[in-house]
Amino acid sequence: MLSCSRIYSNLTANSNLTHVSCLLPLSVSTFGAVLDMVTDKVSTACLLVIISQIYRPSLVFLSLLALDIASHWLQMYSTFLSGKTSHKDVKDSTSWLFRLYYGNRMFMGYCCVSCEVLYIILFLIAKNHTENLMTVVVESLTNFSPLSLLLALSIFGWSIKQIINVIQMKTAADVCVLYDIEKQHKR
């Protein structure tokens, strides 16, 4: 189990390095951006499916997986419909949290890394294959160790990321609906 988490951690760290290098001028391609998002989503999906087999209720992790994929897919599609060049262009959003998330790379990075760190910690602290999620988290947080501090910090960033996913899905769905309404009025 430890070797699997090391492999996943290394892959996540390498992915984060590619995110940083993509911020450099002239280093971004459409194919690279799509490939980066796909590999991020697939690796996170695999980890969430594995964790769903360890903890009860497992539907929590599968729901998180569905929320992550659906919100990003809708965001990408609504970006296409609105003619924007990036799904991170949310200047016109009414949500201050959404604008903060996409407008501040450090904040966005903290939230994204928090999700990955939380999932890795949950994988590592499981003792058997039928653990109750809340029991394990509460026990780990009350141990007052460096791991419990890391767990608490990652839960906070993870929570913000899930709120962002809901806002993103709602905002993107609204764009798709407005597009359909405008298309109907043009007929």
N, C-alpha and C. Protein backbone atom coordinates (compact mmCIF):
# COMPACT_ATOMS: atom_id res chain seq x y z
N MET A 1 0.83 -1.18 0.00
CA MET A 1 0.00 0.00 0.00
C MET A 1 0.87 1.25 0.00
N LEU A 2 1.96 1.23 0.76
CA LEU A 2 2.85 2.37 0.83
C LEU A 2 3.51 2.64 -0.51
N SER A 3 3.91 1.58 -1.23
CA SER A 3 4.56 1.77 -2.53
C SER A 3 3.58 2.36 -3.55
N CYS A 4 2.32 1.95 -3.50
CA CYS A 4 1.31 2.53 -4.40
C CYS A 4 1.13 4.02 -4.12
N SER A 5 1.12 4.38 -2.84
CA SER A 5 0.94 5.80 -2.51
C SER A 5 2.17 6.61 -2.92
N ARG A 6 3.35 6.03 -2.85
CA ARG A 6 4.56 6.72 -3.32
C ARG A 6 4.50 6.95 -4.82
N ILE A 7 4.08 5.95 -5.56
CA ILE A 7 3.96 6.08 -7.02
C ILE A 7 2.96 7.18 -7.34
N TYR A 8 1.79 7.14 -6.70
CA TYR A 8 0.77 8.15 -6.97
C TYR A 8 1.26 9.53 -6.57
N SER A 9 1.94 9.65 -5.43
CA SER A 9 2.47 10.93 -4.98
C SER A 9 3.49 11.49 -5.97
N ASN A 10 4.36 10.61 -6.48
CA ASN A 10 5.34 11.06 -7.47
C ASN A 10 4.66 11.52 -8.76
N LEU A 11 3.66 10.77 -9.20
CA LEU A 11 2.93 11.17 -10.41
C LEU A 11 2.23 12.51 -10.21
N THR A 12 1.65 12.71 -9.03
CA THR A 12 0.97 13.97 -8.73
C THR A 12 1.97 15.11 -8.67
N ALA A 13 3.12 14.88 -8.05
CA ALA A 13 4.16 15.92 -7.99
C ALA A 13 4.64 16.28 -9.38
N ASN A 14 4.85 15.28 -10.24
CA ASN A 14 5.27 15.55 -11.62
C ASN A 14 4.19 16.33 -12.37
N SER A 15 2.94 15.99 -12.13
CA SER A 15 1.84 16.71 -12.77
C SER A 15 1.83 18.16 -12.33
N ASN A 16 2.07 18.40 -11.04
CA ASN A 16 2.10 19.77 -10.53
C ASN A 16 3.26 20.55 -11.14
N LEU A 17 4.38 19.90 -11.38
CA LEU A 17 5.50 20.57 -12.04
C LEU A 17 5.14 20.96 -13.46
N THR A 18 4.39 20.10 -14.15
CA THR A 18 3.97 20.47 -15.51
C THR A 18 2.99 21.63 -15.48
N HIS A 19 2.18 21.72 -14.43
CA HIS A 19 1.28 22.88 -14.31
C HIS A 19 2.10 24.16 -14.21
N VAL A 20 3.15 24.14 -13.40
CA VAL A 20 4.01 25.31 -13.23
C VAL A 20 4.70 25.66 -14.54
N SER A 21 5.23 24.65 -15.25
CA SER A 21 5.92 24.93 -16.50
C SER A 21 4.96 25.45 -17.57
N CYS A 22 3.70 25.08 -17.47
CA CYS A 22 2.71 25.57 -18.45
C CYS A 22 2.40 27.05 -18.24
N LEU A 23 2.77 27.59 -17.10
CA LEU A 23 2.55 29.01 -16.86
C LEU A 23 3.59 29.87 -17.55
N LEU A 24 4.70 29.26 -18.00
CA LEU A 24 5.73 30.01 -18.68
C LEU A 24 5.26 30.40 -20.07
N PRO A 25 5.67 31.57 -20.56
CA PRO A 25 5.24 32.00 -21.89
C PRO A 25 5.66 31.00 -22.97
N LEU A 26 4.84 30.85 -23.98
CA LEU A 26 5.09 30.02 -25.15
C LEU A 26 5.19 28.53 -24.86
N SER A 27 4.73 28.10 -23.69
CA SER A 27 4.85 26.67 -23.38
C SER A 27 3.49 25.98 -23.32
N VAL A 28 2.44 26.65 -23.74
CA VAL A 28 1.10 26.09 -23.65
C VAL A 28 0.59 25.73 -25.04
N SER A 29 0.08 24.52 -25.17
CA SER A 29 -0.59 24.12 -26.40
C SER A 29 -1.97 23.61 -26.02
N THR A 30 -2.87 23.63 -26.96
CA THR A 30 -4.22 23.13 -26.71
C THR A 30 -4.17 21.65 -26.37
N PHE A 31 -3.41 20.89 -27.15
CA PHE A 31 -3.30 19.46 -26.89
C PHE A 31 -2.71 19.20 -25.50
N GLY A 32 -1.69 19.96 -25.13
CA GLY A 32 -1.07 19.80 -23.81
C GLY A 32 -2.04 20.11 -22.68
N ALA A 33 -2.84 21.16 -22.85
CA ALA A 33 -3.82 21.53 -21.84
C ALA A 33 -4.88 20.44 -21.67
N VAL A 34 -5.35 19.91 -22.79
CA VAL A 34 -6.36 18.84 -22.73
C VAL A 34 -5.76 17.57 -22.13
N LEU A 35 -4.57 17.21 -22.57
CA LEU A 35 -3.90 16.02 -22.05
C LEU A 35 -3.65 16.14 -20.55
N ASP A 36 -3.26 17.32 -20.10
CA ASP A 36 -3.02 17.56 -18.69
C ASP A 36 -4.29 17.35 -17.87
N MET A 37 -5.40 17.92 -18.36
CA MET A 37 -6.66 17.77 -17.63
C MET A 37 -7.12 16.32 -17.63
N VAL A 38 -7.00 15.64 -18.75
CA VAL A 38 -7.44 14.25 -18.84
C VAL A 38 -6.62 13.36 -17.90
N THR A 39 -5.31 13.53 -17.89
CA THR A 39 -4.48 12.70 -17.00
C THR A 39 -4.77 13.00 -15.53
N ASP A 40 -5.00 14.27 -15.21
CA ASP A 40 -5.37 14.62 -13.83
C ASP A 40 -6.67 13.95 -13.43
N LYS A 41 -7.67 14.04 -14.30
CA LYS A 41 -8.98 13.46 -13.97
C LYS A 41 -8.92 11.94 -13.88
N VAL A 42 -8.19 11.31 -14.77
CA VAL A 42 -8.10 9.84 -14.75
C VAL A 42 -7.37 9.36 -13.50
N SER A 43 -6.26 10.00 -13.15
CA SER A 43 -5.51 9.55 -11.96
C SER A 43 -6.33 9.76 -10.70
N THR A 44 -7.01 10.90 -10.59
CA THR A 44 -7.86 11.14 -9.43
C THR A 44 -9.03 10.16 -9.41
N ALA A 45 -9.60 9.87 -10.56
CA ALA A 45 -10.71 8.91 -10.64
C ALA A 45 -10.28 7.54 -10.14
N CYS A 46 -9.11 7.11 -10.55
CA CYS A 46 -8.61 5.80 -10.11
C CYS A 46 -8.45 5.76 -8.60
N LEU A 47 -7.86 6.80 -8.03
CA LEU A 47 -7.67 6.84 -6.57
C LEU A 47 -9.01 6.88 -5.85
N LEU A 48 -9.97 7.65 -6.35
CA LEU A 48 -11.28 7.71 -5.70
C LEU A 48 -12.01 6.37 -5.76
N VAL A 49 -11.87 5.66 -6.85
CA VAL A 49 -12.49 4.33 -6.96
C VAL A 49 -11.86 3.36 -5.96
N ILE A 50 -10.54 3.42 -5.82
CA ILE A 50 -9.86 2.56 -4.84
C ILE A 50 -10.31 2.90 -3.43
N ILE A 51 -10.35 4.19 -3.11
CA ILE A 51 -10.76 4.61 -1.77
C ILE A 51 -12.22 4.23 -1.50
N SER A 52 -13.04 4.26 -2.54
CA SER A 52 -14.45 3.89 -2.35
C SER A 52 -14.60 2.43 -1.95
N GLN A 53 -13.59 1.62 -2.23
CA GLN A 53 -13.63 0.22 -1.84
C GLN A 53 -13.13 0.00 -0.41
N ILE A 54 -12.52 1.03 0.17
CA ILE A 54 -11.97 0.92 1.53
C ILE A 54 -12.94 1.46 2.56
N TYR A 55 -13.55 2.61 2.26
CA TYR A 55 -14.38 3.31 3.24
C TYR A 55 -15.87 3.13 2.98
N ARG A 56 -16.63 3.22 4.06
CA ARG A 56 -18.07 3.24 3.98
C ARG A 56 -18.54 4.58 4.52
N PRO A 57 -19.47 5.24 3.91
CA PRO A 57 -20.18 4.87 2.70
C PRO A 57 -19.35 5.17 1.44
N SER A 58 -19.27 4.21 0.58
CA SER A 58 -18.44 4.33 -0.62
C SER A 58 -19.03 5.30 -1.64
N LEU A 59 -20.33 5.52 -1.56
CA LEU A 59 -20.98 6.42 -2.50
C LEU A 59 -20.44 7.85 -2.39
N VAL A 60 -19.89 8.21 -1.24
CA VAL A 60 -19.31 9.54 -1.06
C VAL A 60 -18.22 9.78 -2.09
N PHE A 61 -17.31 8.83 -2.24
CA PHE A 61 -16.18 9.01 -3.15
C PHE A 61 -16.60 8.93 -4.61
N LEU A 62 -17.57 8.08 -4.90
CA LEU A 62 -18.06 8.00 -6.28
C LEU A 62 -18.83 9.27 -6.65
N SER A 63 -19.51 9.87 -5.69
CA SER A 63 -20.20 11.14 -5.93
C SER A 63 -19.20 12.27 -6.16
N LEU A 64 -18.11 12.26 -5.41
CA LEU A 64 -17.05 13.26 -5.62
C LEU A 64 -16.44 13.12 -7.01
N LEU A 65 -16.28 11.90 -7.44
CA LEU A 65 -15.76 11.63 -8.78
C LEU A 65 -16.73 12.18 -9.84
N ALA A 66 -18.00 11.90 -9.68
CA ALA A 66 -19.01 12.39 -10.64
C ALA A 66 -19.05 13.92 -10.64
N LEU A 67 -18.99 14.54 -9.48
CA LEU A 67 -19.01 16.00 -9.39
C LEU A 67 -17.80 16.60 -10.10
N ASP A 68 -16.63 16.04 -9.87
CA ASP A 68 -15.40 16.56 -10.47
C ASP A 68 -15.45 16.49 -11.99
N ILE A 69 -15.83 15.33 -12.51
CA ILE A 69 -15.86 15.15 -13.97
C ILE A 69 -16.98 15.99 -14.60
N ALA A 70 -18.16 15.96 -14.00
CA ALA A 70 -19.29 16.71 -14.57
C ALA A 70 -19.04 18.21 -14.56
N SER A 71 -18.51 18.72 -13.46
CA SER A 71 -18.29 20.17 -13.38
C SER A 71 -17.24 20.63 -14.39
N HIS A 72 -16.19 19.84 -14.56
CA HIS A 72 -15.15 20.22 -15.52
C HIS A 72 -15.63 20.05 -16.97
N TRP A 73 -16.38 19.00 -17.22
CA TRP A 73 -16.88 18.79 -18.58
C TRP A 73 -17.83 19.92 -18.96
N LEU A 74 -18.76 20.27 -18.07
CA LEU A 74 -19.68 21.37 -18.34
C LEU A 74 -18.93 22.69 -18.50
N GLN A 75 -17.91 22.91 -17.68
CA GLN A 75 -17.13 24.14 -17.77
C GLN A 75 -16.42 24.23 -19.12
N MET A 76 -15.82 23.12 -19.55
CA MET A 76 -15.14 23.11 -20.84
C MET A 76 -16.14 23.34 -21.98
N TYR A 77 -17.28 22.71 -21.93
CA TYR A 77 -18.28 22.84 -22.99
C TYR A 77 -18.86 24.25 -23.03
N SER A 78 -19.14 24.82 -21.86
CA SER A 78 -19.69 26.18 -21.82
C SER A 78 -18.66 27.19 -22.31
N THR A 79 -17.38 26.92 -22.06
CA THR A 79 -16.32 27.78 -22.58
C THR A 79 -16.34 27.77 -24.10
N PHE A 80 -16.49 26.59 -24.66
CA PHE A 80 -16.59 26.44 -26.11
C PHE A 80 -17.79 27.21 -26.66
N LEU A 81 -18.95 27.07 -26.01
CA LEU A 81 -20.17 27.74 -26.48
C LEU A 81 -20.06 29.26 -26.40
N SER A 82 -19.37 29.75 -25.38
CA SER A 82 -19.28 31.20 -25.20
C SER A 82 -18.12 31.83 -25.98
N GLY A 83 -17.33 31.00 -26.66
CA GLY A 83 -16.25 31.52 -27.49
C GLY A 83 -15.01 31.95 -26.72
N LYS A 84 -14.90 31.56 -25.47
CA LYS A 84 -13.72 31.92 -24.68
C LYS A 84 -12.57 30.98 -25.06
N THR A 85 -11.36 31.44 -24.81
CA THR A 85 -10.19 30.63 -25.15
C THR A 85 -9.74 29.73 -24.00
N SER A 86 -10.23 30.00 -22.78
CA SER A 86 -9.82 29.19 -21.63
C SER A 86 -11.00 28.98 -20.69
N HIS A 87 -11.07 27.77 -20.14
CA HIS A 87 -12.13 27.49 -19.17
C HIS A 87 -11.86 28.21 -17.84
N LYS A 88 -10.68 28.78 -17.71
CA LYS A 88 -10.33 29.51 -16.49
C LYS A 88 -10.67 31.00 -16.59
N ASP A 89 -11.24 31.43 -17.71
CA ASP A 89 -11.66 32.81 -17.89
C ASP A 89 -13.04 32.97 -17.26
N VAL A 90 -13.05 33.41 -16.01
CA VAL A 90 -14.32 33.55 -15.27
C VAL A 90 -14.51 34.98 -14.76
N LYS A 91 -13.91 35.93 -15.45
CA LYS A 91 -14.00 37.34 -15.03
C LYS A 91 -15.44 37.83 -14.93
N ASP A 92 -16.32 37.27 -15.75
CA ASP A 92 -17.71 37.71 -15.77
C ASP A 92 -18.59 36.94 -14.78
N SER A 93 -18.00 36.07 -13.97
CA SER A 93 -18.78 35.28 -13.00
C SER A 93 -19.27 36.17 -11.87
N THR A 94 -20.45 35.86 -11.34
CA THR A 94 -20.99 36.61 -10.21
C THR A 94 -20.48 36.08 -8.88
N SER A 95 -19.81 34.93 -8.88
CA SER A 95 -19.31 34.33 -7.64
C SER A 95 -17.89 34.83 -7.34
N TRP A 96 -17.74 35.49 -6.20
CA TRP A 96 -16.43 36.00 -5.80
C TRP A 96 -15.47 34.84 -5.53
N LEU A 97 -15.97 33.74 -4.98
CA LEU A 97 -15.11 32.59 -4.69
C LEU A 97 -14.60 31.95 -5.98
N PHE A 98 -15.46 31.86 -6.96
CA PHE A 98 -15.10 31.30 -8.27
C PHE A 98 -14.03 32.17 -8.94
N ARG A 99 -14.22 33.50 -8.90
CA ARG A 99 -13.22 34.41 -9.47
C ARG A 99 -11.90 34.33 -8.71
N LEU A 100 -11.97 34.23 -7.38
CA LEU A 100 -10.76 34.11 -6.57
C LEU A 100 -10.01 32.83 -6.91
N TYR A 101 -10.73 31.73 -7.04
CA TYR A 101 -10.13 30.44 -7.32
C TYR A 101 -9.37 30.45 -8.65
N TYR A 102 -10.02 30.88 -9.71
CA TYR A 102 -9.36 30.90 -11.02
C TYR A 102 -8.44 32.10 -11.21
N GLY A 103 -8.61 33.14 -10.41
CA GLY A 103 -7.78 34.34 -10.55
C GLY A 103 -6.50 34.29 -9.76
N ASN A 104 -6.40 33.39 -8.81
CA ASN A 104 -5.22 33.30 -7.96
C ASN A 104 -4.65 31.88 -8.05
N ARG A 105 -3.58 31.72 -8.80
CA ARG A 105 -3.00 30.39 -9.04
C ARG A 105 -2.53 29.71 -7.75
N MET A 106 -2.06 30.48 -6.79
CA MET A 106 -1.62 29.89 -5.52
C MET A 106 -2.81 29.29 -4.77
N PHE A 107 -3.91 30.03 -4.73
CA PHE A 107 -5.11 29.55 -4.06
C PHE A 107 -5.66 28.32 -4.76
N MET A 108 -5.71 28.37 -6.09
CA MET A 108 -6.19 27.23 -6.87
C MET A 108 -5.27 26.02 -6.64
N GLY A 109 -3.97 26.26 -6.65
CA GLY A 109 -3.01 25.18 -6.41
C GLY A 109 -3.18 24.56 -5.04
N TYR A 110 -3.39 25.40 -4.03
CA TYR A 110 -3.61 24.90 -2.67
C TYR A 110 -4.83 23.98 -2.63
N CYS A 111 -5.93 24.42 -3.25
CA CYS A 111 -7.16 23.62 -3.24
C CYS A 111 -6.97 22.30 -3.98
N CYS A 112 -6.33 22.34 -5.14
CA CYS A 112 -6.13 21.12 -5.93
C CYS A 112 -5.19 20.14 -5.23
N VAL A 113 -4.09 20.66 -4.70
CA VAL A 113 -3.14 19.80 -4.00
C VAL A 113 -3.78 19.25 -2.73
N SER A 114 -4.61 20.04 -2.07
CA SER A 114 -5.31 19.57 -0.86
C SER A 114 -6.15 18.35 -1.15
N CYS A 115 -6.83 18.35 -2.29
CA CYS A 115 -7.65 17.19 -2.68
C CYS A 115 -6.78 15.94 -2.80
N GLU A 116 -5.70 16.07 -3.53
CA GLU A 116 -4.81 14.92 -3.75
C GLU A 116 -4.20 14.44 -2.44
N VAL A 117 -3.74 15.38 -1.62
CA VAL A 117 -3.13 15.02 -0.33
C VAL A 117 -4.15 14.33 0.56
N LEU A 118 -5.37 14.85 0.60
CA LEU A 118 -6.41 14.23 1.42
C LEU A 118 -6.67 12.80 0.98
N TYR A 119 -6.79 12.59 -0.32
CA TYR A 119 -7.07 11.24 -0.82
C TYR A 119 -5.91 10.29 -0.51
N ILE A 120 -4.69 10.77 -0.62
CA ILE A 120 -3.53 9.93 -0.30
C ILE A 120 -3.51 9.60 1.19
N ILE A 121 -3.78 10.60 2.04
CA ILE A 121 -3.81 10.35 3.49
C ILE A 121 -4.90 9.34 3.83
N LEU A 122 -6.08 9.51 3.25
CA LEU A 122 -7.16 8.55 3.52
C LEU A 122 -6.78 7.14 3.10
N PHE A 123 -6.06 7.04 2.01
CA PHE A 123 -5.59 5.73 1.54
C PHE A 123 -4.59 5.13 2.54
N LEU A 124 -3.70 5.98 3.04
CA LEU A 124 -2.65 5.49 3.94
C LEU A 124 -3.13 5.15 5.35
N ILE A 125 -4.13 5.87 5.85
CA ILE A 125 -4.53 5.64 7.25
C ILE A 125 -5.60 4.56 7.41
N ALA A 126 -6.10 4.03 6.31
CA ALA A 126 -7.10 2.96 6.41
C ALA A 126 -6.45 1.70 6.97
N LYS A 127 -7.12 1.09 7.93
CA LYS A 127 -6.56 -0.12 8.55
C LYS A 127 -7.17 -1.40 7.97
N ASN A 128 -8.41 -1.31 7.50
CA ASN A 128 -9.03 -2.47 6.87
C ASN A 128 -9.96 -2.01 5.76
N HIS A 129 -10.64 -2.92 5.12
CA HIS A 129 -11.41 -2.57 3.93
C HIS A 129 -12.87 -2.23 4.18
N THR A 130 -13.25 -2.04 5.42
CA THR A 130 -14.63 -1.64 5.71
C THR A 130 -14.65 -0.54 6.76
N GLU A 131 -13.81 0.42 6.58
CA GLU A 131 -13.70 1.51 7.55
C GLU A 131 -14.86 2.49 7.40
N ASN A 132 -15.30 3.06 8.53
CA ASN A 132 -16.26 4.14 8.50
C ASN A 132 -15.47 5.43 8.32
N LEU A 133 -15.77 6.17 7.28
CA LEU A 133 -15.00 7.36 6.91
C LEU A 133 -14.92 8.36 8.04
N MET A 134 -16.05 8.72 8.63
CA MET A 134 -16.05 9.74 9.68
C MET A 134 -15.28 9.29 10.92
N THR A 135 -15.38 8.03 11.27
CA THR A 135 -14.65 7.52 12.43
C THR A 135 -13.15 7.65 12.22
N VAL A 136 -12.67 7.26 11.05
CA VAL A 136 -11.24 7.32 10.76
C VAL A 136 -10.75 8.77 10.74
N VAL A 137 -11.51 9.65 10.12
CA VAL A 137 -11.10 11.06 10.04
C VAL A 137 -11.06 11.70 11.43
N VAL A 138 -12.11 11.48 12.23
CA VAL A 138 -12.15 12.06 13.58
C VAL A 138 -11.02 11.51 14.44
N GLU A 139 -10.78 10.21 14.39
CA GLU A 139 -9.67 9.62 15.16
C GLU A 139 -8.34 10.20 14.74
N SER A 140 -8.14 10.37 13.44
CA SER A 140 -6.87 10.91 12.94
C SER A 140 -6.70 12.37 13.35
N LEU A 141 -7.76 13.14 13.31
CA LEU A 141 -7.67 14.55 13.68
C LEU A 141 -7.41 14.75 15.17
N THR A 142 -7.89 13.83 16.00
CA THR A 142 -7.72 13.98 17.45
C THR A 142 -6.38 13.46 17.94
N ASN A 143 -5.57 12.89 17.07
CA ASN A 143 -4.24 12.40 17.47
C ASN A 143 -3.22 13.51 17.69
N PHE A 144 -3.46 14.71 17.17
CA PHE A 144 -2.56 15.86 17.29
C PHE A 144 -1.13 15.51 16.90
N SER A 145 -0.97 15.16 15.66
CA SER A 145 0.35 14.84 15.10
C SER A 145 0.54 15.69 13.85
N PRO A 146 1.74 15.67 13.26
CA PRO A 146 1.92 16.37 11.99
C PRO A 146 0.94 15.89 10.92
N LEU A 147 0.63 14.60 10.94
CA LEU A 147 -0.33 14.05 9.98
C LEU A 147 -1.72 14.63 10.20
N SER A 148 -2.12 14.81 11.47
CA SER A 148 -3.44 15.37 11.73
C SER A 148 -3.51 16.84 11.30
N LEU A 149 -2.39 17.58 11.43
CA LEU A 149 -2.36 18.96 10.94
C LEU A 149 -2.47 18.99 9.42
N LEU A 150 -1.73 18.11 8.76
CA LEU A 150 -1.80 18.02 7.30
C LEU A 150 -3.21 17.61 6.85
N LEU A 151 -3.81 16.70 7.59
CA LEU A 151 -5.18 16.26 7.29
C LEU A 151 -6.15 17.43 7.42
N ALA A 152 -6.03 18.20 8.49
CA ALA A 152 -6.93 19.35 8.70
C ALA A 152 -6.75 20.39 7.60
N LEU A 153 -5.50 20.71 7.25
CA LEU A 153 -5.24 21.69 6.18
C LEU A 153 -5.77 21.21 4.84
N SER A 154 -5.63 19.92 4.59
CA SER A 154 -6.11 19.38 3.31
C SER A 154 -7.64 19.30 3.28
N ILE A 155 -8.28 19.04 4.39
CA ILE A 155 -9.74 19.02 4.44
C ILE A 155 -10.30 20.41 4.11
N PHE A 156 -9.65 21.44 4.63
CA PHE A 156 -10.10 22.81 4.35
C PHE A 156 -10.00 23.12 2.85
N GLY A 157 -8.85 22.87 2.25
CA GLY A 157 -8.67 23.13 0.81
C GLY A 157 -9.59 22.25 -0.03
N TRP A 158 -9.74 20.99 0.37
CA TRP A 158 -10.63 20.06 -0.33
C TRP A 158 -12.07 20.58 -0.30
N SER A 159 -12.51 21.08 0.87
CA SER A 159 -13.88 21.59 1.00
C SER A 159 -14.12 22.75 0.05
N ILE A 160 -13.17 23.67 -0.01
CA ILE A 160 -13.30 24.81 -0.92
C ILE A 160 -13.39 24.31 -2.36
N LYS A 161 -12.57 23.33 -2.71
CA LYS A 161 -12.57 22.79 -4.07
C LYS A 161 -13.92 22.18 -4.42
N GLN A 162 -14.56 21.51 -3.48
CA GLN A 162 -15.87 20.92 -3.76
C GLN A 162 -16.93 22.00 -3.94
N ILE A 163 -16.84 23.08 -3.17
CA ILE A 163 -17.75 24.22 -3.34
C ILE A 163 -17.53 24.82 -4.73
N ILE A 164 -16.28 24.97 -5.12
CA ILE A 164 -15.95 25.50 -6.45
C ILE A 164 -16.54 24.59 -7.53
N ASN A 165 -16.43 23.28 -7.36
CA ASN A 165 -16.99 22.35 -8.35
C ASN A 165 -18.49 22.55 -8.52
N VAL A 166 -19.20 22.75 -7.41
CA VAL A 166 -20.65 22.97 -7.48
C VAL A 166 -20.95 24.29 -8.19
N ILE A 167 -20.22 25.36 -7.81
CA ILE A 167 -20.41 26.66 -8.46
C ILE A 167 -20.11 26.54 -9.95
N GLN A 168 -19.01 25.86 -10.26
CA GLN A 168 -18.60 25.69 -11.65
C GLN A 168 -19.67 24.95 -12.46
N MET A 169 -20.22 23.89 -11.89
CA MET A 169 -21.23 23.11 -12.59
C MET A 169 -22.50 23.95 -12.81
N LYS A 170 -22.93 24.68 -11.79
CA LYS A 170 -24.13 25.52 -11.90
C LYS A 170 -23.91 26.63 -12.91
N THR A 171 -22.80 27.32 -12.83
CA THR A 171 -22.50 28.43 -13.74
C THR A 171 -22.42 27.94 -15.17
N ALA A 172 -21.72 26.84 -15.39
CA ALA A 172 -21.57 26.30 -16.74
C ALA A 172 -22.91 25.79 -17.28
N ALA A 173 -23.71 25.17 -16.44
CA ALA A 173 -25.04 24.71 -16.89
C ALA A 173 -25.90 25.90 -17.29
N ASP A 174 -25.81 27.01 -16.54
CA ASP A 174 -26.54 28.22 -16.88
C ASP A 174 -26.13 28.75 -18.25
N VAL A 175 -24.84 28.73 -18.55
CA VAL A 175 -24.34 29.19 -19.85
C VAL A 175 -24.92 28.31 -20.96
N CYS A 176 -24.95 27.01 -20.75
CA CYS A 176 -25.50 26.09 -21.76
C CYS A 176 -26.99 26.35 -21.98
N VAL A 177 -27.74 26.57 -20.91
CA VAL A 177 -29.18 26.83 -21.01
C VAL A 177 -29.41 28.16 -21.73
N LEU A 178 -28.65 29.20 -21.37
CA LEU A 178 -28.79 30.49 -22.04
C LEU A 178 -28.46 30.40 -23.52
N TYR A 179 -27.47 29.59 -23.84
CA TYR A 179 -27.12 29.37 -25.24
C TYR A 179 -28.31 28.76 -26.00
N ASP A 180 -28.94 27.77 -25.39
CA ASP A 180 -30.11 27.13 -26.03
C ASP A 180 -31.27 28.11 -26.18
N ILE A 181 -31.50 28.94 -25.17
CA ILE A 181 -32.58 29.92 -25.22
C ILE A 181 -32.32 30.93 -26.34
N GLU A 182 -31.10 31.43 -26.42
CA GLU A 182 -30.74 32.39 -27.47
C GLU A 182 -30.87 31.75 -28.86
N LYS A 183 -30.50 30.49 -28.96
CA LYS A 183 -30.61 29.78 -30.23
C LYS A 183 -32.07 29.63 -30.63
N GLN A 184 -32.95 29.37 -29.68
CA GLN A 184 -34.40 29.27 -29.95
C GLN A 184 -34.98 30.59 -30.41
N HIS A 185 -34.51 31.70 -29.79
CA HIS A 185 -35.04 33.02 -30.15
C HIS A 185 -34.60 33.47 -31.55
N LYS A 186 -33.48 32.95 -32.01
CA LYS A 186 -32.96 33.32 -33.33
C LYS A 186 -33.74 32.63 -34.45
N ARG A 187 -34.46 31.59 -34.14
CA ARG A 187 -35.22 30.85 -35.16
C ARG A 187 -36.38 31.60 -35.63
